Amino acid sequence: MQGIIYEEPSIWLFLLVTVIMGGWAAWMTGRAIAITWRPFWNLILYLFILGAAVRFIHFALFGGTLLSIHYYAVDTIVILIIGSLGYQYYRARLMTSQYRWLYERTGPFSWREKASHTNG
């Protein structure tokens, strides 16, 4: 897998920097965008910038390649997945807590309209 997904000598550096540190920042970015009711495309824009920051950390601390489209794409895809999950989680939470008379949760990332009950 070295050379395809990560360039460091150990996968643990990739997991630490990209998945744990970058993933936490991406999750929190998704949360911030969701709870301020901004559209999803704002999240994408911020996560592309965060992908560059993660690539810089690989470069500055562990001697990775700074200007590598391949590794930037890998880091950014991981961050986009985690950030999108954070966005969807908090959007579902907001929809079902602020509009509880309209929506109910169907899972951690989804909601649906409540069934209306009519008599007769």
PDB file of N, CA and C in Angstrom:
ATOM      1  N   MET A   1       0.819  -1.197   0.000  1.00  0.00           N
ATOM      2  CA  MET A   1       0.000   0.000   0.000  1.00  0.00           C
ATOM      3  C   MET A   1       0.864   1.263   0.000  1.00  0.00           C
ATOM      4  N   GLN A   2       2.109   1.125   0.512  1.00  0.00           N
ATOM      5  CA  GLN A   2       2.972   2.306   0.499  1.00  0.00           C
ATOM      6  C   GLN A   2       3.221   2.708  -0.945  1.00  0.00           C
ATOM      7  N   GLY A   3       3.072   3.964  -1.221  1.00  0.00           N
ATOM      8  CA  GLY A   3       3.231   4.467  -2.572  1.00  0.00           C
ATOM      9  C   GLY A   3       1.905   4.700  -3.260  1.00  0.00           C
ATOM     10  N   ILE A   4       0.864   3.993  -2.853  1.00  0.00           N
ATOM     11  CA  ILE A   4      -0.463   4.188  -3.446  1.00  0.00           C
ATOM     12  C   ILE A   4      -1.291   5.117  -2.572  1.00  0.00           C
ATOM     13  N   ILE A   5      -1.372   4.805  -1.290  1.00  0.00           N
ATOM     14  CA  ILE A   5      -2.191   5.600  -0.377  1.00  0.00           C
ATOM     15  C   ILE A   5      -1.337   6.548   0.459  1.00  0.00           C
ATOM     16  N   TYR A   6      -0.176   6.127   0.873  1.00  0.00           N
ATOM     17  CA  TYR A   6       0.684   6.971   1.704  1.00  0.00           C
ATOM     18  C   TYR A   6       2.121   6.822   1.250  1.00  0.00           C
ATOM     19  N   GLU A   7       2.912   7.862   1.520  1.00  0.00           N
ATOM     20  CA  GLU A   7       4.312   7.845   1.091  1.00  0.00           C
ATOM     21  C   GLU A   7       5.302   7.668   2.232  1.00  0.00           C
ATOM     22  N   GLU A   8       4.838   7.804   3.472  1.00  0.00           N
ATOM     23  CA  GLU A   8       5.716   7.656   4.620  1.00  0.00           C
ATOM     24  C   GLU A   8       6.140   6.192   4.781  1.00  0.00           C
ATOM     25  N   PRO A   9       7.195   5.943   5.542  1.00  0.00           N
ATOM     26  CA  PRO A   9       7.645   4.561   5.719  1.00  0.00           C
ATOM     27  C   PRO A   9       6.683   3.712   6.552  1.00  0.00           C
ATOM     28  N   SER A  10       5.738   4.329   7.241  1.00  0.00           N
ATOM     29  CA  SER A  10       4.813   3.596   8.085  1.00  0.00           C
ATOM     30  C   SER A  10       3.388   4.091   7.858  1.00  0.00           C
ATOM     31  N   ILE A  11       2.441   3.168   7.853  1.00  0.00           N
ATOM     32  CA  ILE A  11       1.043   3.545   7.700  1.00  0.00           C
ATOM     33  C   ILE A  11       0.549   4.329   8.909  1.00  0.00           C
ATOM     34  N   TRP A  12       1.231   4.169  10.054  1.00  0.00           N
ATOM     35  CA  TRP A  12       0.800   4.854  11.272  1.00  0.00           C
ATOM     36  C   TRP A  12       0.884   6.368  11.139  1.00  0.00           C
ATOM     37  N   LEU A  13       1.850   6.861  10.384  1.00  0.00           N
ATOM     38  CA  LEU A  13       1.933   8.305  10.147  1.00  0.00           C
ATOM     39  C   LEU A  13       0.751   8.790   9.314  1.00  0.00           C
ATOM     40  N   PHE A  14       0.382   8.021   8.309  1.00  0.00           N
ATOM     41  CA  PHE A  14      -0.790   8.365   7.505  1.00  0.00           C
ATOM     42  C   PHE A  14      -2.044   8.363   8.365  1.00  0.00           C
ATOM     43  N   LEU A  15      -2.197   7.321   9.182  1.00  0.00           N
ATOM     44  CA  LEU A  15      -3.376   7.243  10.042  1.00  0.00           C
ATOM     45  C   LEU A  15      -3.409   8.390  11.050  1.00  0.00           C
ATOM     46  N   LEU A  16      -2.254   8.736  11.619  1.00  0.00           N
ATOM     47  CA  LEU A  16      -2.203   9.817  12.599  1.00  0.00           C
ATOM     48  C   LEU A  16      -2.541  11.170  11.962  1.00  0.00           C
ATOM     49  N   VAL A  17      -1.842  11.508  10.906  1.00  0.00           N
ATOM     50  CA  VAL A  17      -1.983  12.852  10.328  1.00  0.00           C
ATOM     51  C   VAL A  17      -3.264  12.987   9.518  1.00  0.00           C
ATOM     52  N   THR A  18      -3.519  12.074   8.595  1.00  0.00           N
ATOM     53  CA  THR A  18      -4.657  12.224   7.701  1.00  0.00           C
ATOM     54  C   THR A  18      -5.961  11.786   8.343  1.00  0.00           C
ATOM     55  N   VAL A  19      -5.973  10.588   8.905  1.00  0.00           N
ATOM     56  CA  VAL A  19      -7.243  10.043   9.395  1.00  0.00           C
ATOM     57  C   VAL A  19      -7.619  10.630  10.753  1.00  0.00           C
ATOM     58  N   ILE A  20      -6.695  10.660  11.702  1.00  0.00           N
ATOM     59  CA  ILE A  20      -7.051  11.124  13.050  1.00  0.00           C
ATOM     60  C   ILE A  20      -7.061  12.652  13.126  1.00  0.00           C
ATOM     61  N   MET A  21      -5.936  13.287  12.817  1.00  0.00           N
ATOM     62  CA  MET A  21      -5.878  14.746  12.941  1.00  0.00           C
ATOM     63  C   MET A  21      -6.716  15.436  11.861  1.00  0.00           C
ATOM     64  N   GLY A  22      -6.496  15.064  10.612  1.00  0.00           N
ATOM     65  CA  GLY A  22      -7.265  15.668   9.522  1.00  0.00           C
ATOM     66  C   GLY A  22      -8.728  15.281   9.578  1.00  0.00           C
ATOM     67  N   GLY A  23      -9.001  14.031   9.972  1.00  0.00           N
ATOM     68  CA  GLY A  23     -10.381  13.571  10.084  1.00  0.00           C
ATOM     69  C   GLY A  23     -11.136  14.293  11.183  1.00  0.00           C
ATOM     70  N   TRP A  24     -10.464  14.536  12.310  1.00  0.00           N
ATOM     71  CA  TRP A  24     -11.112  15.285  13.388  1.00  0.00           C
ATOM     72  C   TRP A  24     -11.430  16.705  12.930  1.00  0.00           C
ATOM     73  N   ALA A  25     -10.466  17.346  12.269  1.00  0.00           N
ATOM     74  CA  ALA A  25     -10.694  18.705  11.770  1.00  0.00           C
ATOM     75  C   ALA A  25     -11.804  18.717  10.721  1.00  0.00           C
ATOM     76  N   ALA A  26     -11.856  17.696   9.876  1.00  0.00           N
ATOM     77  CA  ALA A  26     -12.904  17.611   8.860  1.00  0.00           C
ATOM     78  C   ALA A  26     -14.272  17.398   9.505  1.00  0.00           C
ATOM     79  N   TRP A  27     -14.345  16.522  10.509  1.00  0.00           N
ATOM     80  CA  TRP A  27     -15.612  16.282  11.218  1.00  0.00           C
ATOM     81  C   TRP A  27     -16.111  17.582  11.850  1.00  0.00           C
ATOM     82  N   MET A  28     -15.208  18.309  12.504  1.00  0.00           N
ATOM     83  CA  MET A  28     -15.585  19.559  13.149  1.00  0.00           C
ATOM     84  C   MET A  28     -15.967  20.628  12.123  1.00  0.00           C
ATOM     85  N   THR A  29     -15.337  20.612  10.966  1.00  0.00           N
ATOM     86  CA  THR A  29     -15.717  21.533   9.897  1.00  0.00           C
ATOM     87  C   THR A  29     -17.107  21.199   9.390  1.00  0.00           C
ATOM     88  N   GLY A  30     -17.387  19.914   9.191  1.00  0.00           N
ATOM     89  CA  GLY A  30     -18.727  19.493   8.792  1.00  0.00           C
ATOM     90  C   GLY A  30     -19.765  19.886   9.817  1.00  0.00           C
ATOM     91  N   ARG A  31     -19.432  19.743  11.093  1.00  0.00           N
ATOM     92  CA  ARG A  31     -20.326  20.143  12.178  1.00  0.00           C
ATOM     93  C   ARG A  31     -20.600  21.643  12.121  1.00  0.00           C
ATOM     94  N   ALA A  32     -19.546  22.438  11.956  1.00  0.00           N
ATOM     95  CA  ALA A  32     -19.696  23.896  11.925  1.00  0.00           C
ATOM     96  C   ALA A  32     -20.559  24.353  10.754  1.00  0.00           C
ATOM     97  N   ILE A  33     -20.354  23.755   9.602  1.00  0.00           N
ATOM     98  CA  ILE A  33     -21.152  24.125   8.429  1.00  0.00           C
ATOM     99  C   ILE A  33     -22.603  23.716   8.632  1.00  0.00           C
ATOM    100  N   ALA A  34     -22.837  22.544   9.203  1.00  0.00           N
ATOM    101  CA  ALA A  34     -24.207  22.059   9.398  1.00  0.00           C
ATOM    102  C   ALA A  34     -24.965  22.891  10.424  1.00  0.00           C
ATOM    103  N   ILE A  35     -24.333  23.199  11.561  1.00  0.00           N
ATOM    104  CA  ILE A  35     -25.078  23.897  12.609  1.00  0.00           C
ATOM    105  C   ILE A  35     -25.280  25.371  12.306  1.00  0.00           C
ATOM    106  N   THR A  36     -24.586  25.900  11.322  1.00  0.00           N
ATOM    107  CA  THR A  36     -24.838  27.274  10.882  1.00  0.00           C
ATOM    108  C   THR A  36     -25.727  27.309   9.637  1.00  0.00           C
ATOM    109  N   TRP A  37     -26.266  26.161   9.262  1.00  0.00           N
ATOM    110  CA  TRP A  37     -27.230  26.011   8.159  1.00  0.00           C
ATOM    111  C   TRP A  37     -26.680  26.472   6.816  1.00  0.00           C
ATOM    112  N   ARG A  38     -25.379  26.337   6.629  1.00  0.00           N
ATOM    113  CA  ARG A  38     -24.791  26.683   5.339  1.00  0.00           C
ATOM    114  C   ARG A  38     -24.901  25.496   4.388  1.00  0.00           C
ATOM    115  N   PRO A  39     -24.877  25.748   3.087  1.00  0.00           N
ATOM    116  CA  PRO A  39     -25.033  24.656   2.117  1.00  0.00           C
ATOM    117  C   PRO A  39     -23.807  23.741   2.055  1.00  0.00           C
ATOM    118  N   PHE A  40     -24.030  22.553   1.525  1.00  0.00           N
ATOM    119  CA  PHE A  40     -22.995  21.523   1.469  1.00  0.00           C
ATOM    120  C   PHE A  40     -21.780  21.966   0.659  1.00  0.00           C
ATOM    121  N   TRP A  41     -21.981  22.765  -0.390  1.00  0.00           N
ATOM    122  CA  TRP A  41     -20.841  23.164  -1.226  1.00  0.00           C
ATOM    123  C   TRP A  41     -19.838  24.005  -0.437  1.00  0.00           C
ATOM    124  N   ASN A  42     -20.278  24.715   0.600  1.00  0.00           N
ATOM    125  CA  ASN A  42     -19.339  25.438   1.461  1.00  0.00           C
ATOM    126  C   ASN A  42     -18.384  24.457   2.136  1.00  0.00           C
ATOM    127  N   LEU A  43     -18.918  23.340   2.578  1.00  0.00           N
ATOM    128  CA  LEU A  43     -18.098  22.319   3.220  1.00  0.00           C
ATOM    129  C   LEU A  43     -17.031  21.806   2.259  1.00  0.00           C
ATOM    130  N   ILE A  44     -17.411  21.539   1.030  1.00  0.00           N
ATOM    131  CA  ILE A  44     -16.454  21.033   0.035  1.00  0.00           C
ATOM    132  C   ILE A  44     -15.297  22.021  -0.138  1.00  0.00           C
ATOM    133  N   LEU A  45     -15.621  23.295  -0.251  1.00  0.00           N
ATOM    134  CA  LEU A  45     -14.595  24.317  -0.406  1.00  0.00           C
ATOM    135  C   LEU A  45     -13.627  24.315   0.769  1.00  0.00           C
ATOM    136  N   TYR A  46     -14.152  24.291   1.994  1.00  0.00           N
ATOM    137  CA  TYR A  46     -13.293  24.296   3.180  1.00  0.00           C
ATOM    138  C   TYR A  46     -12.462  23.023   3.300  1.00  0.00           C
ATOM    139  N   LEU A  47     -13.019  21.901   2.882  1.00  0.00           N
ATOM    140  CA  LEU A  47     -12.274  20.647   2.997  1.00  0.00           C
ATOM    141  C   LEU A  47     -11.147  20.553   1.970  1.00  0.00           C
ATOM    142  N   PHE A  48     -11.299  21.187   0.820  1.00  0.00           N
ATOM    143  CA  PHE A  48     -10.180  21.239  -0.127  1.00  0.00           C
ATOM    144  C   PHE A  48      -9.018  22.042   0.465  1.00  0.00           C
ATOM    145  N   ILE A  49      -9.338  23.099   1.173  1.00  0.00           N
ATOM    146  CA  ILE A  49      -8.303  23.887   1.850  1.00  0.00           C
ATOM    147  C   ILE A  49      -7.674  23.060   2.977  1.00  0.00           C
ATOM    148  N   LEU A  50      -8.499  22.353   3.728  1.00  0.00           N
ATOM    149  CA  LEU A  50      -7.988  21.497   4.801  1.00  0.00           C
ATOM    150  C   LEU A  50      -7.089  20.392   4.243  1.00  0.00           C
ATOM    151  N   GLY A  51      -7.407  19.873   3.066  1.00  0.00           N
ATOM    152  CA  GLY A  51      -6.558  18.874   2.421  1.00  0.00           C
ATOM    153  C   GLY A  51      -5.155  19.408   2.164  1.00  0.00           C
ATOM    154  N   ALA A  52      -5.069  20.678   1.774  1.00  0.00           N
ATOM    155  CA  ALA A  52      -3.753  21.301   1.567  1.00  0.00           C
ATOM    156  C   ALA A  52      -3.007  21.440   2.895  1.00  0.00           C
ATOM    157  N   ALA A  53      -3.726  21.752   3.961  1.00  0.00           N
ATOM    158  CA  ALA A  53      -3.093  21.868   5.281  1.00  0.00           C
ATOM    159  C   ALA A  53      -2.567  20.516   5.751  1.00  0.00           C
ATOM    160  N   VAL A  54      -3.327  19.461   5.524  1.00  0.00           N
ATOM    161  CA  VAL A  54      -2.872  18.115   5.899  1.00  0.00           C
ATOM    162  C   VAL A  54      -1.637  17.729   5.093  1.00  0.00           C
ATOM    163  N   ARG A  55      -1.628  18.059   3.817  1.00  0.00           N
ATOM    164  CA  ARG A  55      -0.453  17.773   2.991  1.00  0.00           C
ATOM    165  C   ARG A  55       0.754  18.541   3.508  1.00  0.00           C
ATOM    166  N   PHE A  56       0.533  19.776   3.969  1.00  0.00           N
ATOM    167  CA  PHE A  56       1.637  20.557   4.518  1.00  0.00           C
ATOM    168  C   PHE A  56       2.184  19.917   5.791  1.00  0.00           C
ATOM    169  N   ILE A  57       1.325  19.385   6.636  1.00  0.00           N
ATOM    170  CA  ILE A  57       1.790  18.717   7.853  1.00  0.00           C
ATOM    171  C   ILE A  57       2.640  17.497   7.501  1.00  0.00           C
ATOM    172  N   HIS A  58       2.212  16.729   6.506  1.00  0.00           N
ATOM    173  CA  HIS A  58       3.028  15.593   6.043  1.00  0.00           C
ATOM    174  C   HIS A  58       4.409  16.080   5.593  1.00  0.00           C
ATOM    175  N   PHE A  59       4.431  17.200   4.882  1.00  0.00           N
ATOM    176  CA  PHE A  59       5.675  17.758   4.364  1.00  0.00           C
ATOM    177  C   PHE A  59       6.553  18.315   5.486  1.00  0.00           C
ATOM    178  N   ALA A  60       5.976  19.143   6.340  1.00  0.00           N
ATOM    179  CA  ALA A  60       6.761  19.857   7.337  1.00  0.00           C
ATOM    180  C   ALA A  60       7.280  18.949   8.449  1.00  0.00           C
ATOM    181  N   LEU A  61       6.472  18.000   8.878  1.00  0.00           N
ATOM    182  CA  LEU A  61       6.870  17.178  10.018  1.00  0.00           C
ATOM    183  C   LEU A  61       7.520  15.851   9.642  1.00  0.00           C
ATOM    184  N   PHE A  62       7.132  15.295   8.505  1.00  0.00           N
ATOM    185  CA  PHE A  62       7.585  13.939   8.192  1.00  0.00           C
ATOM    186  C   PHE A  62       8.291  13.814   6.852  1.00  0.00           C
ATOM    187  N   GLY A  63       8.619  14.935   6.222  1.00  0.00           N
ATOM    188  CA  GLY A  63       9.390  14.910   4.989  1.00  0.00           C
ATOM    189  C   GLY A  63       8.629  14.405   3.785  1.00  0.00           C
ATOM    190  N   GLY A  64       7.327  14.529   3.794  1.00  0.00           N
ATOM    191  CA  GLY A  64       6.526  14.108   2.648  1.00  0.00           C
ATOM    192  C   GLY A  64       6.639  15.109   1.504  1.00  0.00           C
ATOM    193  N   THR A  65       6.066  14.755   0.389  1.00  0.00           N
ATOM    194  CA  THR A  65       6.076  15.620  -0.779  1.00  0.00           C
ATOM    195  C   THR A  65       4.969  16.659  -0.638  1.00  0.00           C
ATOM    196  N   LEU A  66       5.340  17.935  -0.748  1.00  0.00           N
ATOM    197  CA  LEU A  66       4.351  18.998  -0.580  1.00  0.00           C
ATOM    198  C   LEU A  66       3.455  19.126  -1.796  1.00  0.00           C
ATOM    199  N   LEU A  67       4.042  19.238  -2.957  1.00  0.00           N
ATOM    200  CA  LEU A  67       3.279  19.474  -4.181  1.00  0.00           C
ATOM    201  C   LEU A  67       3.083  18.172  -4.957  1.00  0.00           C
ATOM    202  N   SER A  68       2.280  17.301  -4.405  1.00  0.00           N
ATOM    203  CA  SER A  68       1.971  16.024  -5.039  1.00  0.00           C
ATOM    204  C   SER A  68       0.461  15.934  -5.229  1.00  0.00           C
ATOM    205  N   ILE A  69       0.036  15.942  -6.462  1.00  0.00           N
ATOM    206  CA  ILE A  69      -1.401  15.865  -6.737  1.00  0.00           C
ATOM    207  C   ILE A  69      -1.958  14.529  -6.260  1.00  0.00           C
ATOM    208  N   HIS A  70      -1.188  13.468  -6.432  1.00  0.00           N
ATOM    209  CA  HIS A  70      -1.638  12.129  -6.036  1.00  0.00           C
ATOM    210  C   HIS A  70      -1.937  12.065  -4.539  1.00  0.00           C
ATOM    211  N   TYR A  71      -0.973  12.451  -3.713  1.00  0.00           N
ATOM    212  CA  TYR A  71      -1.159  12.346  -2.262  1.00  0.00           C
ATOM    213  C   TYR A  71      -2.112  13.411  -1.728  1.00  0.00           C
ATOM    214  N   TYR A  72      -2.159  14.577  -2.381  1.00  0.00           N
ATOM    215  CA  TYR A  72      -3.163  15.578  -2.015  1.00  0.00           C
ATOM    216  C   TYR A  72      -4.557  15.022  -2.264  1.00  0.00           C
ATOM    217  N   ALA A  73      -4.731  14.331  -3.391  1.00  0.00           N
ATOM    218  CA  ALA A  73      -6.044  13.743  -3.708  1.00  0.00           C
ATOM    219  C   ALA A  73      -6.418  12.670  -2.685  1.00  0.00           C
ATOM    220  N   VAL A  74      -5.470  11.829  -2.302  1.00  0.00           N
ATOM    221  CA  VAL A  74      -5.752  10.785  -1.309  1.00  0.00           C
ATOM    222  C   VAL A  74      -6.148  11.414   0.024  1.00  0.00           C
ATOM    223  N   ASP A  75      -5.353  12.374   0.491  1.00  0.00           N
ATOM    224  CA  ASP A  75      -5.663  13.043   1.759  1.00  0.00           C
ATOM    225  C   ASP A  75      -7.019  13.736   1.696  1.00  0.00           C
ATOM    226  N   THR A  76      -7.282  14.414   0.594  1.00  0.00           N
ATOM    227  CA  THR A  76      -8.525  15.172   0.465  1.00  0.00           C
ATOM    228  C   THR A  76      -9.736  14.259   0.361  1.00  0.00           C
ATOM    229  N   ILE A  77      -9.611  13.128  -0.294  1.00  0.00           N
ATOM    230  CA  ILE A  77     -10.728  12.182  -0.375  1.00  0.00           C
ATOM    231  C   ILE A  77     -11.079  11.651   1.006  1.00  0.00           C
ATOM    232  N   VAL A  78     -10.063  11.292   1.787  1.00  0.00           N
ATOM    233  CA  VAL A  78     -10.318  10.815   3.155  1.00  0.00           C
ATOM    234  C   VAL A  78     -11.005  11.903   3.966  1.00  0.00           C
ATOM    235  N   ILE A  79     -10.512  13.119   3.852  1.00  0.00           N
ATOM    236  CA  ILE A  79     -11.079  14.248   4.588  1.00  0.00           C
ATOM    237  C   ILE A  79     -12.503  14.550   4.114  1.00  0.00           C
ATOM    238  N   LEU A  80     -12.744  14.466   2.811  1.00  0.00           N
ATOM    239  CA  LEU A  80     -14.093  14.708   2.280  1.00  0.00           C
ATOM    240  C   LEU A  80     -15.092  13.684   2.811  1.00  0.00           C
ATOM    241  N   ILE A  81     -14.677  12.448   2.906  1.00  0.00           N
ATOM    242  CA  ILE A  81     -15.579  11.407   3.423  1.00  0.00           C
ATOM    243  C   ILE A  81     -15.920  11.680   4.885  1.00  0.00           C
ATOM    244  N   ILE A  82     -14.907  11.922   5.701  1.00  0.00           N
ATOM    245  CA  ILE A  82     -15.151  12.148   7.130  1.00  0.00           C
ATOM    246  C   ILE A  82     -15.927  13.445   7.354  1.00  0.00           C
ATOM    247  N   GLY A  83     -15.570  14.507   6.647  1.00  0.00           N
ATOM    248  CA  GLY A  83     -16.281  15.775   6.784  1.00  0.00           C
ATOM    249  C   GLY A  83     -17.727  15.688   6.338  1.00  0.00           C
ATOM    250  N   SER A  84     -17.990  14.949   5.278  1.00  0.00           N
ATOM    251  CA  SER A  84     -19.360  14.769   4.807  1.00  0.00           C
ATOM    252  C   SER A  84     -20.192  13.987   5.811  1.00  0.00           C
ATOM    253  N   LEU A  85     -19.578  12.993   6.436  1.00  0.00           N
ATOM    254  CA  LEU A  85     -20.282  12.242   7.481  1.00  0.00           C
ATOM    255  C   LEU A  85     -20.615  13.146   8.668  1.00  0.00           C
ATOM    256  N   GLY A  86     -19.674  13.992   9.057  1.00  0.00           N
ATOM    257  CA  GLY A  86     -19.930  14.927  10.148  1.00  0.00           C
ATOM    258  C   GLY A  86     -21.036  15.903   9.809  1.00  0.00           C
ATOM    259  N   TYR A  87     -21.022  16.410   8.598  1.00  0.00           N
ATOM    260  CA  TYR A  87     -22.065  17.329   8.143  1.00  0.00           C
ATOM    261  C   TYR A  87     -23.437  16.656   8.184  1.00  0.00           C
ATOM    262  N   GLN A  88     -23.517  15.459   7.620  1.00  0.00           N
ATOM    263  CA  GLN A  88     -24.806  14.764   7.558  1.00  0.00           C
ATOM    264  C   GLN A  88     -25.305  14.364   8.939  1.00  0.00           C
ATOM    265  N   TYR A  89     -24.402  13.961   9.822  1.00  0.00           N
ATOM    266  CA  TYR A  89     -24.775  13.600  11.186  1.00  0.00           C
ATOM    267  C   TYR A  89     -25.407  14.784  11.908  1.00  0.00           C
ATOM    268  N   TYR A  90     -24.744  15.932  11.842  1.00  0.00           N
ATOM    269  CA  TYR A  90     -25.266  17.097  12.547  1.00  0.00           C
ATOM    270  C   TYR A  90     -26.474  17.707  11.848  1.00  0.00           C
ATOM    271  N   ARG A  91     -26.572  17.580  10.541  1.00  0.00           N
ATOM    272  CA  ARG A  91     -27.771  18.080   9.852  1.00  0.00           C
ATOM    273  C   ARG A  91     -28.986  17.242  10.254  1.00  0.00           C
ATOM    274  N   ALA A  92     -28.823  15.931  10.326  1.00  0.00           N
ATOM    275  CA  ALA A  92     -29.922  15.065  10.773  1.00  0.00           C
ATOM    276  C   ALA A  92     -30.297  15.382  12.216  1.00  0.00           C
ATOM    277  N   ARG A  93     -29.312  15.633  13.031  1.00  0.00           N
ATOM    278  CA  ARG A  93     -29.575  15.978  14.429  1.00  0.00           C
ATOM    279  C   ARG A  93     -30.347  17.298  14.539  1.00  0.00           C
ATOM    280  N   LEU A  94     -29.941  18.289  13.748  1.00  0.00           N
ATOM    281  CA  LEU A  94     -30.638  19.573  13.766  1.00  0.00           C
ATOM    282  C   LEU A  94     -32.069  19.464  13.253  1.00  0.00           C
ATOM    283  N   MET A  95     -32.244  18.763  12.161  1.00  0.00           N
ATOM    284  CA  MET A  95     -33.581  18.641  11.574  1.00  0.00           C
ATOM    285  C   MET A  95     -34.553  17.973  12.530  1.00  0.00           C
ATOM    286  N   THR A  96     -34.072  16.994  13.274  1.00  0.00           N
ATOM    287  CA  THR A  96     -34.973  16.264  14.167  1.00  0.00           C
ATOM    288  C   THR A  96     -35.105  16.898  15.539  1.00  0.00           C
ATOM    289  N   SER A  97     -34.207  17.789  15.899  1.00  0.00           N
ATOM    290  CA  SER A  97     -34.360  18.460  17.195  1.00  0.00           C
ATOM    291  C   SER A  97     -35.080  19.802  17.051  1.00  0.00           C
ATOM    292  N   GLN A  98     -34.787  20.549  16.006  1.00  0.00           N
ATOM    293  CA  GLN A  98     -35.431  21.846  15.844  1.00  0.00           C
ATOM    294  C   GLN A  98     -36.807  21.743  15.191  1.00  0.00           C
ATOM    295  N   TYR A  99     -37.031  20.694  14.437  1.00  0.00           N
ATOM    296  CA  TYR A  99     -38.321  20.489  13.776  1.00  0.00           C
ATOM    297  C   TYR A  99     -38.886  19.126  14.163  1.00  0.00           C
ATOM    298  N   ARG A 100     -38.935  18.868  15.460  1.00  0.00           N
ATOM    299  CA  ARG A 100     -39.328  17.533  15.927  1.00  0.00           C
ATOM    300  C   ARG A 100     -40.774  17.194  15.612  1.00  0.00           C
ATOM    301  N   TRP A 101     -41.608  18.181  15.374  1.00  0.00           N
ATOM    302  CA  TRP A 101     -43.002  17.901  15.013  1.00  0.00           C
ATOM    303  C   TRP A 101     -43.134  17.500  13.543  1.00  0.00           C
ATOM    304  N   LEU A 102     -42.094  17.750  12.741  1.00  0.00           N
ATOM    305  CA  LEU A 102     -42.128  17.401  11.320  1.00  0.00           C
ATOM    306  C   LEU A 102     -41.304  16.166  10.966  1.00  0.00           C
ATOM    307  N   TYR A 103     -40.169  15.997  11.654  1.00  0.00           N
ATOM    308  CA  TYR A 103     -39.224  14.960  11.253  1.00  0.00           C
ATOM    309  C   TYR A 103     -38.853  14.054  12.420  1.00  0.00           C
ATOM    310  N   GLU A 104     -38.509  12.824  12.066  1.00  0.00           N
ATOM    311  CA  GLU A 104     -38.000  11.871  13.043  1.00  0.00           C
ATOM    312  C   GLU A 104     -36.743  11.237  12.473  1.00  0.00           C
ATOM    313  N   ARG A 105     -35.848  10.842  13.358  1.00  0.00           N
ATOM    314  CA  ARG A 105     -34.594  10.236  12.931  1.00  0.00           C
ATOM    315  C   ARG A 105     -34.807   8.800  12.514  1.00  0.00           C
ATOM    316  N   THR A 106     -34.137   8.417  11.441  1.00  0.00           N
ATOM    317  CA  THR A 106     -34.184   7.030  10.993  1.00  0.00           C
ATOM    318  C   THR A 106     -32.827   6.351  11.140  1.00  0.00           C
ATOM    319  N   GLY A 107     -31.848   7.103  11.547  1.00  0.00           N
ATOM    320  CA  GLY A 107     -30.493   6.587  11.744  1.00  0.00           C
ATOM    321  C   GLY A 107     -29.595   7.738  12.116  1.00  0.00           C
ATOM    322  N   PRO A 108     -28.323   7.486  12.298  1.00  0.00           N
ATOM    323  CA  PRO A 108     -27.435   8.575  12.698  1.00  0.00           C
ATOM    324  C   PRO A 108     -27.250   9.643  11.613  1.00  0.00           C
ATOM    325  N   PHE A 109     -27.497   9.296  10.359  1.00  0.00           N
ATOM    326  CA  PHE A 109     -27.258  10.233   9.264  1.00  0.00           C
ATOM    327  C   PHE A 109     -28.510  10.581   8.465  1.00  0.00           C
ATOM    328  N   SER A 110     -29.672  10.164   8.910  1.00  0.00           N
ATOM    329  CA  SER A 110     -30.864  10.389   8.096  1.00  0.00           C
ATOM    330  C   SER A 110     -32.081  10.700   8.956  1.00  0.00           C
ATOM    331  N   TRP A 111     -33.081  11.256   8.304  1.00  0.00           N
ATOM    332  CA  TRP A 111     -34.354  11.572   8.938  1.00  0.00           C
ATOM    333  C   TRP A 111     -35.460  11.427   7.903  1.00  0.00           C
ATOM    334  N   ARG A 112     -36.684  11.430   8.370  1.00  0.00           N
ATOM    335  CA  ARG A 112     -37.824  11.358   7.459  1.00  0.00           C
ATOM    336  C   ARG A 112     -38.966  12.162   8.058  1.00  0.00           C
ATOM    337  N   GLU A 113     -39.941  12.454   7.222  1.00  0.00           N
ATOM    338  CA  GLU A 113     -41.128  13.147   7.690  1.00  0.00           C
ATOM    339  C   GLU A 113     -41.926  12.221   8.589  1.00  0.00           C
ATOM    340  N   LYS A 114     -42.490  12.784   9.627  1.00  0.00           N
ATOM    341  CA  LYS A 114     -43.357  11.989  10.493  1.00  0.00           C
ATOM    342  C   LYS A 114     -44.660  11.714   9.753  1.00  0.00           C
ATOM    343  N   ALA A 115     -45.192  10.540   9.966  1.00  0.00           N
ATOM    344  CA  ALA A 115     -46.470  10.187   9.347  1.00  0.00           C
ATOM    345  C   ALA A 115     -47.564  10.973  10.046  1.00  0.00           C
ATOM    346  N   SER A 116     -48.428  11.584   9.250  1.00  0.00           N
ATOM    347  CA  SER A 116     -49.537  12.338   9.854  1.00  0.00           C
ATOM    348  C   SER A 116     -50.673  11.377  10.171  1.00  0.00           C
ATOM    349  N   HIS A 117     -51.234  11.543  11.343  1.00  0.00           N
ATOM    350  CA  HIS A 117     -52.316  10.683  11.789  1.00  0.00           C
ATOM    351  C   HIS A 117     -53.636  11.430  11.579  1.00  0.00           C
ATOM    352  N   THR A 118     -54.528  10.814  10.820  1.00  0.00           N
ATOM    353  CA  THR A 118     -55.839  11.432  10.592  1.00  0.00           C
ATOM    354  C   THR A 118     -56.924  10.504  11.113  1.00  0.00           C
ATOM    355  N   ASN A 119     -57.932  11.084  11.662  1.00  0.00           N
ATOM    356  CA  ASN A 119     -59.076  10.293  12.176  1.00  0.00           C
ATOM    357  C   ASN A 119     -60.107  10.120  11.071  1.00  0.00           C
ATOM    358  N   GLY A 120     -60.552   8.893  10.931  1.00  0.00           N
ATOM    359  CA  GLY A 120     -61.679   8.576  10.165  1.00  0.00           C
ATOM    360  C   GLY A 120     -61.697   8.590   8.741  1.00  0.00           C
TER     361      GLY A 120
END
